[in-house]
Amino acid sequence: AYLLLTCMVVTSTDQWQRRLGRNWRRLHRTGMYYLGV
């Protein structure tokens, strides 16, 4: 949970979103659902 959260925090910028493309959405969606569960 904290590994995913840290990755989400680090990539929580417009630059990282453009750099990761679709993987950005996959990372953040996975992290949010994992934390929610």
PDB file of all heavy atoms in Angstrom:
ATOM      1  N   ALA A   1       0.835  -1.207   0.000  1.00  0.00           N
ATOM      2  CA  ALA A   1       0.000   0.000   0.000  1.00  0.00           C
ATOM      3  C   ALA A   1       0.866   1.252   0.000  1.00  0.00           C
ATOM      4  O   ALA A   1       0.625   2.195  -0.771  1.00  0.00           O
ATOM      5  CB  ALA A   1      -0.930  -0.006   1.214  1.00  0.00           C
ATOM      6  N   TYR A   2       1.885   1.273   0.832  1.00  0.00           N
ATOM      7  CA  TYR A   2       2.746   2.460   0.904  1.00  0.00           C
ATOM      8  C   TYR A   2       3.657   2.568  -0.307  1.00  0.00           C
ATOM      9  O   TYR A   2       4.022   3.680  -0.710  1.00  0.00           O
ATOM     10  CB  TYR A   2       3.549   2.443   2.200  1.00  0.00           C
ATOM     11  CG  TYR A   2       2.740   2.925   3.369  1.00  0.00           C
ATOM     12  CD1 TYR A   2       2.155   2.036   4.262  1.00  0.00           C
ATOM     13  CD2 TYR A   2       2.507   4.286   3.562  1.00  0.00           C
ATOM     14  CE1 TYR A   2       1.389   2.475   5.326  1.00  0.00           C
ATOM     15  CE2 TYR A   2       1.737   4.741   4.618  1.00  0.00           C
ATOM     16  CZ  TYR A   2       1.182   3.837   5.498  1.00  0.00           C
ATOM     17  OH  TYR A   2       0.411   4.285   6.538  1.00  0.00           O
ATOM     18  N   LEU A   3       4.022   1.446  -0.902  1.00  0.00           N
ATOM     19  CA  LEU A   3       4.804   1.495  -2.137  1.00  0.00           C
ATOM     20  C   LEU A   3       3.981   2.123  -3.260  1.00  0.00           C
ATOM     21  O   LEU A   3       4.466   3.019  -3.982  1.00  0.00           O
ATOM     22  CB  LEU A   3       5.247   0.085  -2.531  1.00  0.00           C
ATOM     23  CG  LEU A   3       6.002  -0.040  -3.855  1.00  0.00           C
ATOM     24  CD1 LEU A   3       7.294   0.769  -3.821  1.00  0.00           C
ATOM     25  CD2 LEU A   3       6.297  -1.511  -4.169  1.00  0.00           C
ATOM     26  N   LEU A   4       2.740   1.675  -3.407  1.00  0.00           N
ATOM     27  CA  LEU A   4       1.862   2.242  -4.427  1.00  0.00           C
ATOM     28  C   LEU A   4       1.586   3.719  -4.148  1.00  0.00           C
ATOM     29  O   LEU A   4       1.603   4.548  -5.065  1.00  0.00           O
ATOM     30  CB  LEU A   4       0.543   1.468  -4.478  1.00  0.00           C
ATOM     31  CG  LEU A   4       0.596   0.081  -5.116  1.00  0.00           C
ATOM     32  CD1 LEU A   4      -0.709  -0.671  -4.871  1.00  0.00           C
ATOM     33  CD2 LEU A   4       0.864   0.185  -6.613  1.00  0.00           C
ATOM     34  N   LEU A   5       1.346   4.045  -2.876  1.00  0.00           N
ATOM     35  CA  LEU A   5       1.068   5.435  -2.520  1.00  0.00           C
ATOM     36  C   LEU A   5       2.253   6.327  -2.854  1.00  0.00           C
ATOM     37  O   LEU A   5       2.080   7.427  -3.400  1.00  0.00           O
ATOM     38  CB  LEU A   5       0.739   5.536  -1.029  1.00  0.00           C
ATOM     39  CG  LEU A   5       0.470   6.945  -0.491  1.00  0.00           C
ATOM     40  CD1 LEU A   5      -0.756   7.550  -1.175  1.00  0.00           C
ATOM     41  CD2 LEU A   5       0.293   6.928   1.015  1.00  0.00           C
ATOM     42  N   THR A   6       3.450   5.870  -2.542  1.00  0.00           N
ATOM     43  CA  THR A   6       4.648   6.666  -2.828  1.00  0.00           C
ATOM     44  C   THR A   6       4.824   6.868  -4.330  1.00  0.00           C
ATOM     45  O   THR A   6       5.161   7.974  -4.778  1.00  0.00           O
ATOM     46  CB  THR A   6       5.891   5.990  -2.234  1.00  0.00           C
ATOM     47  OG1 THR A   6       5.711   5.836  -0.821  1.00  0.00           O
ATOM     48  CG2 THR A   6       7.135   6.809  -2.503  1.00  0.00           C
ATOM     49  N   CYS A   7       4.576   5.820  -5.110  1.00  0.00           N
ATOM     50  CA  CYS A   7       4.656   5.951  -6.576  1.00  0.00           C
ATOM     51  C   CYS A   7       3.623   6.948  -7.087  1.00  0.00           C
ATOM     52  O   CYS A   7       3.909   7.742  -7.994  1.00  0.00           O
ATOM     53  CB  CYS A   7       4.441   4.590  -7.233  1.00  0.00           C
ATOM     54  SG  CYS A   7       5.786   3.413  -6.975  1.00  0.00           S
ATOM     55  N   MET A   8       2.441   6.941  -6.492  1.00  0.00           N
ATOM     56  CA  MET A   8       1.395   7.868  -6.899  1.00  0.00           C
ATOM     57  C   MET A   8       1.763   9.305  -6.556  1.00  0.00           C
ATOM     58  O   MET A   8       1.521  10.229  -7.338  1.00  0.00           O
ATOM     59  CB  MET A   8       0.077   7.474  -6.232  1.00  0.00           C
ATOM     60  CG  MET A   8      -0.502   6.166  -6.746  1.00  0.00           C
ATOM     61  SD  MET A   8      -1.739   5.460  -5.631  1.00  0.00           S
ATOM     62  CE  MET A   8      -3.054   6.660  -5.800  1.00  0.00           C
ATOM     63  N   VAL A   9       2.352   9.495  -5.377  1.00  0.00           N
ATOM     64  CA  VAL A   9       2.754  10.842  -4.968  1.00  0.00           C
ATOM     65  C   VAL A   9       3.855  11.373  -5.882  1.00  0.00           C
ATOM     66  O   VAL A   9       3.814  12.515  -6.343  1.00  0.00           O
ATOM     67  CB  VAL A   9       3.221  10.847  -3.497  1.00  0.00           C
ATOM     68  CG1 VAL A   9       3.872  12.175  -3.136  1.00  0.00           C
ATOM     69  CG2 VAL A   9       2.045  10.567  -2.563  1.00  0.00           C
ATOM     70  N   VAL A  10       4.858  10.531  -6.141  1.00  0.00           N
ATOM     71  CA  VAL A  10       5.989  10.950  -6.967  1.00  0.00           C
ATOM     72  C   VAL A  10       5.540  11.306  -8.383  1.00  0.00           C
ATOM     73  O   VAL A  10       6.043  12.265  -8.988  1.00  0.00           O
ATOM     74  CB  VAL A  10       7.061   9.846  -7.001  1.00  0.00           C
ATOM     75  CG1 VAL A  10       8.142  10.156  -8.037  1.00  0.00           C
ATOM     76  CG2 VAL A  10       7.703   9.681  -5.617  1.00  0.00           C
ATOM     77  N   THR A  11       4.589  10.551  -8.904  1.00  0.00           N
ATOM     78  CA  THR A  11       4.148  10.771 -10.295  1.00  0.00           C
ATOM     79  C   THR A  11       2.928  11.693 -10.373  1.00  0.00           C
ATOM     80  O   THR A  11       2.294  11.787 -11.427  1.00  0.00           O
ATOM     81  CB  THR A  11       3.805   9.424 -10.964  1.00  0.00           C
ATOM     82  OG1 THR A  11       2.739   8.786 -10.230  1.00  0.00           O
ATOM     83  CG2 THR A  11       5.009   8.509 -10.997  1.00  0.00           C
ATOM     84  N   SER A  12       2.605  12.378  -9.294  1.00  0.00           N
ATOM     85  CA  SER A  12       1.409  13.222  -9.281  1.00  0.00           C
ATOM     86  C   SER A  12       1.689  14.619  -9.823  1.00  0.00           C
ATOM     87  O   SER A  12       1.458  15.622  -9.166  1.00  0.00           O
ATOM     88  CB  SER A  12       0.867  13.321  -7.853  1.00  0.00           C
ATOM     89  OG  SER A  12      -0.385  13.961  -7.851  1.00  0.00           O
ATOM     90  N   THR A  13       2.205  14.663 -11.030  1.00  0.00           N
ATOM     91  CA  THR A  13       2.467  15.929 -11.720  1.00  0.00           C
ATOM     92  C   THR A  13       2.050  15.797 -13.174  1.00  0.00           C
ATOM     93  O   THR A  13       1.932  14.678 -13.707  1.00  0.00           O
ATOM     94  CB  THR A  13       3.960  16.307 -11.663  1.00  0.00           C
ATOM     95  OG1 THR A  13       4.715  15.305 -12.374  1.00  0.00           O
ATOM     96  CG2 THR A  13       4.464  16.406 -10.232  1.00  0.00           C
ATOM     97  N   ASP A  14       1.835  16.928 -13.827  1.00  0.00           N
ATOM     98  CA  ASP A  14       1.485  16.907 -15.244  1.00  0.00           C
ATOM     99  C   ASP A  14       2.608  16.279 -16.074  1.00  0.00           C
ATOM    100  O   ASP A  14       2.347  15.564 -17.041  1.00  0.00           O
ATOM    101  CB  ASP A  14       1.215  18.329 -15.739  1.00  0.00           C
ATOM    102  CG  ASP A  14       0.006  18.947 -15.062  1.00  0.00           C
ATOM    103  OD1 ASP A  14      -0.801  18.192 -14.480  1.00  0.00           O
ATOM    104  OD2 ASP A  14      -0.130  20.181 -15.109  1.00  0.00           O
ATOM    105  N   GLN A  15       3.856  16.569 -15.687  1.00  0.00           N
ATOM    106  CA  GLN A  15       4.995  16.032 -16.444  1.00  0.00           C
ATOM    107  C   GLN A  15       5.026  14.504 -16.402  1.00  0.00           C
ATOM    108  O   GLN A  15       5.235  13.852 -17.425  1.00  0.00           O
ATOM    109  CB  GLN A  15       6.306  16.598 -15.889  1.00  0.00           C
ATOM    110  CG  GLN A  15       6.500  18.094 -16.109  1.00  0.00           C
ATOM    111  CD  GLN A  15       5.764  18.933 -15.078  1.00  0.00           C
ATOM    112  OE1 GLN A  15       5.101  18.404 -14.180  1.00  0.00           O
ATOM    113  NE2 GLN A  15       5.883  20.259 -15.204  1.00  0.00           N
ATOM    114  N   TRP A  16       4.817  13.931 -15.210  1.00  0.00           N
ATOM    115  CA  TRP A  16       4.813  12.482 -15.096  1.00  0.00           C
ATOM    116  C   TRP A  16       3.623  11.873 -15.813  1.00  0.00           C
ATOM    117  O   TRP A  16       3.722  10.787 -16.390  1.00  0.00           O
ATOM    118  CB  TRP A  16       4.824  12.058 -13.636  1.00  0.00           C
ATOM    119  CG  TRP A  16       6.196  11.911 -13.064  1.00  0.00           C
ATOM    120  CD1 TRP A  16       6.820  12.741 -12.193  1.00  0.00           C
ATOM    121  CD2 TRP A  16       7.115  10.864 -13.362  1.00  0.00           C
ATOM    122  NE1 TRP A  16       8.083  12.276 -11.916  1.00  0.00           N
ATOM    123  CE2 TRP A  16       8.297  11.118 -12.613  1.00  0.00           C
ATOM    124  CE3 TRP A  16       7.073   9.727 -14.181  1.00  0.00           C
ATOM    125  CZ2 TRP A  16       9.411  10.291 -12.665  1.00  0.00           C
ATOM    126  CZ3 TRP A  16       8.190   8.894 -14.233  1.00  0.00           C
ATOM    127  CH2 TRP A  16       9.327   9.174 -13.486  1.00  0.00           C
ATOM    128  N   GLN A  17       2.506  12.564 -15.816  1.00  0.00           N
ATOM    129  CA  GLN A  17       1.341  12.038 -16.517  1.00  0.00           C
ATOM    130  C   GLN A  17       1.612  11.947 -18.016  1.00  0.00           C
ATOM    131  O   GLN A  17       1.257  10.951 -18.660  1.00  0.00           O
ATOM    132  CB  GLN A  17       0.112  12.913 -16.256  1.00  0.00           C
ATOM    133  CG  GLN A  17      -1.167  12.333 -16.854  1.00  0.00           C
ATOM    134  CD  GLN A  17      -2.390  13.159 -16.523  1.00  0.00           C
ATOM    135  OE1 GLN A  17      -2.254  14.277 -16.038  1.00  0.00           O
ATOM    136  NE2 GLN A  17      -3.559  12.627 -16.770  1.00  0.00           N
ATOM    137  N   ARG A  18       2.255  12.979 -18.562  1.00  0.00           N
ATOM    138  CA  ARG A  18       2.598  12.948 -19.994  1.00  0.00           C
ATOM    139  C   ARG A  18       3.660  11.892 -20.271  1.00  0.00           C
ATOM    140  O   ARG A  18       3.613  11.214 -21.305  1.00  0.00           O
ATOM    141  CB  ARG A  18       3.086  14.321 -20.439  1.00  0.00           C
ATOM    142  CG  ARG A  18       1.992  15.387 -20.500  1.00  0.00           C
ATOM    143  CD  ARG A  18       2.474  16.628 -21.214  1.00  0.00           C
ATOM    144  NE  ARG A  18       3.529  17.296 -20.451  1.00  0.00           N
ATOM    145  CZ  ARG A  18       3.317  18.266 -19.577  1.00  0.00           C
ATOM    146  NH1 ARG A  18       2.077  18.681 -19.330  1.00  0.00           N
ATOM    147  NH2 ARG A  18       4.322  18.833 -18.935  1.00  0.00           N
ATOM    148  N   ARG A  19       4.619  11.726 -19.357  1.00  0.00           N
ATOM    149  CA  ARG A  19       5.706  10.786 -19.573  1.00  0.00           C
ATOM    150  C   ARG A  19       5.219   9.337 -19.533  1.00  0.00           C
ATOM    151  O   ARG A  19       5.657   8.505 -20.330  1.00  0.00           O
ATOM    152  CB  ARG A  19       6.786  11.000 -18.508  1.00  0.00           C
ATOM    153  CG  ARG A  19       8.016  10.123 -18.687  1.00  0.00           C
ATOM    154  CD  ARG A  19       9.047  10.389 -17.603  1.00  0.00           C
ATOM    155  NE  ARG A  19       9.467  11.782 -17.588  1.00  0.00           N
ATOM    156  CZ  ARG A  19      10.347  12.272 -16.722  1.00  0.00           C
ATOM    157  NH1 ARG A  19      10.886  11.486 -15.794  1.00  0.00           N
ATOM    158  NH2 ARG A  19      10.693  13.540 -16.779  1.00  0.00           N
ATOM    159  N   LEU A  20       4.313   9.028 -18.602  1.00  0.00           N
ATOM    160  CA  LEU A  20       3.842   7.653 -18.448  1.00  0.00           C
ATOM    161  C   LEU A  20       2.692   7.307 -19.385  1.00  0.00           C
ATOM    162  O   LEU A  20       2.438   6.132 -19.639  1.00  0.00           O
ATOM    163  CB  LEU A  20       3.402   7.413 -17.000  1.00  0.00           C
ATOM    164  CG  LEU A  20       4.502   7.468 -15.944  1.00  0.00           C
ATOM    165  CD1 LEU A  20       3.911   7.268 -14.561  1.00  0.00           C
ATOM    166  CD2 LEU A  20       5.568   6.423 -16.220  1.00  0.00           C
ATOM    167  N   GLY A  21       1.987   8.329 -19.882  1.00  0.00           N
ATOM    168  CA  GLY A  21       0.877   8.063 -20.794  1.00  0.00           C
ATOM    169  C   GLY A  21      -0.216   7.241 -20.132  1.00  0.00           C
ATOM    170  O   GLY A  21      -0.660   7.537 -19.033  1.00  0.00           O
ATOM    171  N   ARG A  22      -0.628   6.160 -20.805  1.00  0.00           N
ATOM    172  CA  ARG A  22      -1.695   5.317 -20.271  1.00  0.00           C
ATOM    173  C   ARG A  22      -1.279   4.619 -18.977  1.00  0.00           C
ATOM    174  O   ARG A  22      -2.132   4.287 -18.146  1.00  0.00           O
ATOM    175  CB  ARG A  22      -2.109   4.278 -21.316  1.00  0.00           C
ATOM    176  CG  ARG A  22      -2.794   4.862 -22.550  1.00  0.00           C
ATOM    177  CD  ARG A  22      -3.216   3.767 -23.492  1.00  0.00           C
ATOM    178  NE  ARG A  22      -3.914   4.300 -24.664  1.00  0.00           N
ATOM    179  CZ  ARG A  22      -4.365   3.553 -25.668  1.00  0.00           C
ATOM    180  NH1 ARG A  22      -4.201   2.220 -25.624  1.00  0.00           N
ATOM    181  NH2 ARG A  22      -4.986   4.109 -26.690  1.00  0.00           N
ATOM    182  N   ASN A  23       0.003   4.359 -18.823  1.00  0.00           N
ATOM    183  CA  ASN A  23       0.471   3.690 -17.607  1.00  0.00           C
ATOM    184  C   ASN A  23       0.239   4.545 -16.368  1.00  0.00           C
ATOM    185  O   ASN A  23       0.134   4.021 -15.258  1.00  0.00           O
ATOM    186  CB  ASN A  23       1.956   3.340 -17.729  1.00  0.00           C
ATOM    187  CG  ASN A  23       2.194   2.244 -18.737  1.00  0.00           C
ATOM    188  OD1 ASN A  23       1.371   1.341 -18.892  1.00  0.00           O
ATOM    189  ND2 ASN A  23       3.308   2.310 -19.441  1.00  0.00           N
ATOM    190  N   TRP A  24       0.181   5.871 -16.545  1.00  0.00           N
ATOM    191  CA  TRP A  24      -0.096   6.752 -15.407  1.00  0.00           C
ATOM    192  C   TRP A  24      -1.473   6.446 -14.837  1.00  0.00           C
ATOM    193  O   TRP A  24      -1.647   6.303 -13.638  1.00  0.00           O
ATOM    194  CB  TRP A  24      -0.018   8.206 -15.857  1.00  0.00           C
ATOM    195  CG  TRP A  24      -0.165   9.202 -14.747  1.00  0.00           C
ATOM    196  CD1 TRP A  24       0.823   9.758 -14.002  1.00  0.00           C
ATOM    197  CD2 TRP A  24      -1.395   9.761 -14.252  1.00  0.00           C
ATOM    198  NE1 TRP A  24       0.307  10.641 -13.082  1.00  0.00           N
ATOM    199  CE2 TRP A  24      -1.057  10.663 -13.209  1.00  0.00           C
ATOM    200  CE3 TRP A  24      -2.738   9.599 -14.594  1.00  0.00           C
ATOM    201  CZ2 TRP A  24      -2.013  11.374 -12.502  1.00  0.00           C
ATOM    202  CZ3 TRP A  24      -3.699  10.323 -13.879  1.00  0.00           C
ATOM    203  CH2 TRP A  24      -3.324  11.197 -12.856  1.00  0.00           C
ATOM    204  N   ARG A  25      -2.454   6.340 -15.712  1.00  0.00           N
ATOM    205  CA  ARG A  25      -3.819   6.047 -15.264  1.00  0.00           C
ATOM    206  C   ARG A  25      -3.890   4.658 -14.642  1.00  0.00           C
ATOM    207  O   ARG A  25      -4.583   4.462 -13.632  1.00  0.00           O
ATOM    208  CB  ARG A  25      -4.794   6.165 -16.432  1.00  0.00           C
ATOM    209  CG  ARG A  25      -6.250   5.986 -16.026  1.00  0.00           C
ATOM    210  CD  ARG A  25      -7.176   6.231 -17.215  1.00  0.00           C
ATOM    211  NE  ARG A  25      -7.100   7.617 -17.652  1.00  0.00           N
ATOM    212  CZ  ARG A  25      -7.807   8.599 -17.111  1.00  0.00           C
ATOM    213  NH1 ARG A  25      -8.645   8.351 -16.107  1.00  0.00           N
ATOM    214  NH2 ARG A  25      -7.710   9.830 -17.562  1.00  0.00           N
ATOM    215  N   ARG A  26      -3.184   3.701 -15.236  1.00  0.00           N
ATOM    216  CA  ARG A  26      -3.190   2.343 -14.675  1.00  0.00           C
ATOM    217  C   ARG A  26      -2.596   2.336 -13.273  1.00  0.00           C
ATOM    218  O   ARG A  26      -3.119   1.681 -12.364  1.00  0.00           O
ATOM    219  CB  ARG A  26      -2.405   1.400 -15.586  1.00  0.00           C
ATOM    220  CG  ARG A  26      -3.027   1.170 -16.952  1.00  0.00           C
ATOM    221  CD  ARG A  26      -2.320   0.054 -17.683  1.00  0.00           C
ATOM    222  NE  ARG A  26      -2.854  -0.125 -19.037  1.00  0.00           N
ATOM    223  CZ  ARG A  26      -2.239   0.269 -20.130  1.00  0.00           C
ATOM    224  NH1 ARG A  26      -1.060   0.883 -20.049  1.00  0.00           N
ATOM    225  NH2 ARG A  26      -2.782   0.078 -21.313  1.00  0.00           N
ATOM    226  N   LEU A  27      -1.486   3.033 -13.086  1.00  0.00           N
ATOM    227  CA  LEU A  27      -0.833   3.091 -11.778  1.00  0.00           C
ATOM    228  C   LEU A  27      -1.755   3.699 -10.735  1.00  0.00           C
ATOM    229  O   LEU A  27      -1.943   3.134  -9.646  1.00  0.00           O
ATOM    230  CB  LEU A  27       0.456   3.906 -11.875  1.00  0.00           C
ATOM    231  CG  LEU A  27       1.109   4.301 -10.538  1.00  0.00           C
ATOM    232  CD1 LEU A  27       1.559   3.067  -9.776  1.00  0.00           C
ATOM    233  CD2 LEU A  27       2.278   5.264 -10.778  1.00  0.00           C
ATOM    234  N   HIS A  28      -2.335   4.841 -11.039  1.00  0.00           N
ATOM    235  CA  HIS A  28      -3.156   5.541 -10.055  1.00  0.00           C
ATOM    236  C   HIS A  28      -4.478   4.828  -9.801  1.00  0.00           C
ATOM    237  O   HIS A  28      -4.963   4.817  -8.662  1.00  0.00           O
ATOM    238  CB  HIS A  28      -3.381   6.985 -10.502  1.00  0.00           C
ATOM    239  CG  HIS A  28      -2.163   7.835 -10.351  1.00  0.00           C
ATOM    240  ND1 HIS A  28      -2.067   8.843  -9.421  1.00  0.00           N
ATOM    241  CD2 HIS A  28      -0.970   7.810 -10.993  1.00  0.00           C
ATOM    242  CE1 HIS A  28      -0.875   9.412  -9.489  1.00  0.00           C
ATOM    243  NE2 HIS A  28      -0.196   8.798 -10.448  1.00  0.00           N
ATOM    244  N   ARG A  29      -5.025   4.220 -10.820  1.00  0.00           N
ATOM    245  CA  ARG A  29      -6.263   3.462 -10.611  1.00  0.00           C
ATOM    246  C   ARG A  29      -5.984   2.231  -9.754  1.00  0.00           C
ATOM    247  O   ARG A  29      -6.760   1.929  -8.833  1.00  0.00           O
ATOM    248  CB  ARG A  29      -6.856   3.052 -11.955  1.00  0.00           C
ATOM    249  CG  ARG A  29      -8.142   2.239 -11.832  1.00  0.00           C
ATOM    250  CD  ARG A  29      -8.740   1.946 -13.194  1.00  0.00           C
ATOM    251  NE  ARG A  29      -9.189   3.159 -13.861  1.00  0.00           N
ATOM    252  CZ  ARG A  29      -9.671   3.189 -15.097  1.00  0.00           C
ATOM    253  NH1 ARG A  29      -9.741   2.065 -15.801  1.00  0.00           N
ATOM    254  NH2 ARG A  29     -10.070   4.324 -15.622  1.00  0.00           N
ATOM    255  N   THR A  30      -4.901   1.530 -10.044  1.00  0.00           N
ATOM    256  CA  THR A  30      -4.539   0.362  -9.249  1.00  0.00           C
ATOM    257  C   THR A  30      -4.305   0.751  -7.796  1.00  0.00           C
ATOM    258  O   THR A  30      -4.787   0.073  -6.876  1.00  0.00           O
ATOM    259  CB  THR A  30      -3.268  -0.303  -9.812  1.00  0.00           C
ATOM    260  OG1 THR A  30      -3.509  -0.724 -11.163  1.00  0.00           O
ATOM    261  CG2 THR A  30      -2.869  -1.514  -8.978  1.00  0.00           C
ATOM    262  N   GLY A  31      -3.584   1.837  -7.583  1.00  0.00           N
ATOM    263  CA  GLY A  31      -3.297   2.280  -6.228  1.00  0.00           C
ATOM    264  C   GLY A  31      -4.554   2.651  -5.461  1.00  0.00           C
ATOM    265  O   GLY A  31      -4.719   2.262  -4.295  1.00  0.00           O
ATOM    266  N   MET A  32      -5.460   3.386  -6.098  1.00  0.00           N
ATOM    267  CA  MET A  32      -6.680   3.806  -5.422  1.00  0.00           C
ATOM    268  C   MET A  32      -7.564   2.606  -5.088  1.00  0.00           C
ATOM    269  O   MET A  32      -8.115   2.522  -3.973  1.00  0.00           O
ATOM    270  CB  MET A  32      -7.448   4.811  -6.278  1.00  0.00           C
ATOM    271  CG  MET A  32      -6.751   6.150  -6.467  1.00  0.00           C
ATOM    272  SD  MET A  32      -6.537   7.072  -4.924  1.00  0.00           S
ATOM    273  CE  MET A  32      -8.202   7.673  -4.637  1.00  0.00           C
ATOM    274  N   TYR A  33      -7.700   1.686  -6.018  1.00  0.00           N
ATOM    275  CA  TYR A  33      -8.533   0.518  -5.747  1.00  0.00           C
ATOM    276  C   TYR A  33      -7.904  -0.377  -4.681  1.00  0.00           C
ATOM    277  O   TYR A  33      -8.612  -0.921  -3.821  1.00  0.00           O
ATOM    278  CB  TYR A  33      -8.769  -0.285  -7.027  1.00  0.00           C
ATOM    279  CG  TYR A  33      -9.975   0.180  -7.807  1.00  0.00           C
ATOM    280  CD1 TYR A  33      -9.875   1.160  -8.777  1.00  0.00           C
ATOM    281  CD2 TYR A  33     -11.236  -0.356  -7.556  1.00  0.00           C
ATOM    282  CE1 TYR A  33     -10.982   1.600  -9.483  1.00  0.00           C
ATOM    283  CE2 TYR A  33     -12.350   0.067  -8.259  1.00  0.00           C
ATOM    284  CZ  TYR A  33     -12.219   1.045  -9.227  1.00  0.00           C
ATOM    285  OH  TYR A  33     -13.320   1.483  -9.905  1.00  0.00           O
ATOM    286  N   TYR A  34      -6.588  -0.526  -4.727  1.00  0.00           N
ATOM    287  CA  TYR A  34      -5.929  -1.348  -3.708  1.00  0.00           C
ATOM    288  C   TYR A  34      -6.121  -0.751  -2.322  1.00  0.00           C
ATOM    289  O   TYR A  34      -6.466  -1.454  -1.365  1.00  0.00           O
ATOM    290  CB  TYR A  34      -4.437  -1.482  -4.022  1.00  0.00           C
ATOM    291  CG  TYR A  34      -3.710  -2.359  -3.033  1.00  0.00           C
ATOM    292  CD1 TYR A  34      -3.755  -3.744  -3.145  1.00  0.00           C
ATOM    293  CD2 TYR A  34      -2.998  -1.803  -1.977  1.00  0.00           C
ATOM    294  CE1 TYR A  34      -3.098  -4.552  -2.231  1.00  0.00           C
ATOM    295  CE2 TYR A  34      -2.333  -2.607  -1.058  1.00  0.00           C
ATOM    296  CZ  TYR A  34      -2.388  -3.975  -1.193  1.00  0.00           C
ATOM    297  OH  TYR A  34      -1.748  -4.778  -0.274  1.00  0.00           O
ATOM    298  N   LEU A  35      -5.902   0.552  -2.199  1.00  0.00           N
ATOM    299  CA  LEU A  35      -6.106   1.223  -0.915  1.00  0.00           C
ATOM    300  C   LEU A  35      -7.568   1.147  -0.473  1.00  0.00           C
ATOM    301  O   LEU A  35      -7.867   0.949   0.709  1.00  0.00           O
ATOM    302  CB  LEU A  35      -5.661   2.679  -1.008  1.00  0.00           C
ATOM    303  CG  LEU A  35      -4.147   2.904  -1.078  1.00  0.00           C
ATOM    304  CD1 LEU A  35      -3.834   4.314  -1.565  1.00  0.00           C
ATOM    305  CD2 LEU A  35      -3.507   2.660   0.281  1.00  0.00           C
ATOM    306  N   GLY A  36      -8.481   1.292  -1.431  1.00  0.00           N
ATOM    307  CA  GLY A  36      -9.899   1.198  -1.102  1.00  0.00           C
ATOM    308  C   GLY A  36     -10.275  -0.171  -0.565  1.00  0.00           C
ATOM    309  O   GLY A  36     -11.018  -0.279   0.422  1.00  0.00           O
ATOM    310  N   VAL A  37      -9.770  -1.216  -1.195  1.00  0.00           N
ATOM    311  CA  VAL A  37     -10.037  -2.578  -0.723  1.00  0.00           C
ATOM    312  C   VAL A  37      -9.413  -2.793   0.656  1.00  0.00           C
ATOM    313  O   VAL A  37     -10.013  -3.414   1.543  1.00  0.00           O
ATOM    314  CB  VAL A  37      -9.494  -3.618  -1.724  1.00  0.00           C
ATOM    315  CG1 VAL A  37      -9.518  -5.022  -1.129  1.00  0.00           C
ATOM    316  CG2 VAL A  37     -10.306  -3.574  -3.014  1.00  0.00           C
TER     317      VAL A  37
END
